[in-house]
């Protein structure tokens, strides 16, 4: 359980990448009061955690409903995560998480907590795929508890980071944020390749030899 919990927390933190949400959050909350920004950060974190928890709960049902095999999900999910990791290594916002049009629309909305902050910025396709894959590995009650605990922790971390967005942006600077993003991108790239290797191994047992 301890090892699975560490893997779940590190994987979700890397793919959710709350620090990467600093820029869009600051640009979409320009002119708002501190209390309003804190409220938006709180709601976005709660909604994102709810989306990820719901994905963990509904993962098995979605597999059966669409006839998706686990190896297929591992391979496709690994490929998707790799593209996100590639953008992170190059310190640019992945378009699988948020497009320029979505960010522009978010600036115009009165309430941006749900869209685009919670979805797709924090809990985008990559995060949901990661939760699907982790939920398949959560075969025991203790691992399921660990998974939902990891989602809760990531939600709390996202809230703290967004709540202190201005302070963190001043301390880290754009260069610091880019360096962190690149480091997390390297980690995510390794995770994505491992997902693909596991999927190929499960689909083609002959590769084991």
Foldseek 3Di string as FASTA:
>chain_A
DVVLLVVLLLQLCLVLVLLLCLVLLCLLCPPPDLVVQLVLLLLLLVLLLVVLLVLLVCLVVVCVVVVPDLLNLLQVLLVVLLQCLVCLLVLHHDVQQPDPVQSVVSSVDPRCSNGPRSPRNRPGPNSSSSSSNSSVVQPDPVSSVSNSVSSNVSSVVSSVCSSCSVVVCVVCPSVNSSVVSSVSSVVSNVVSVVSNVVSCCVVPVVVVD
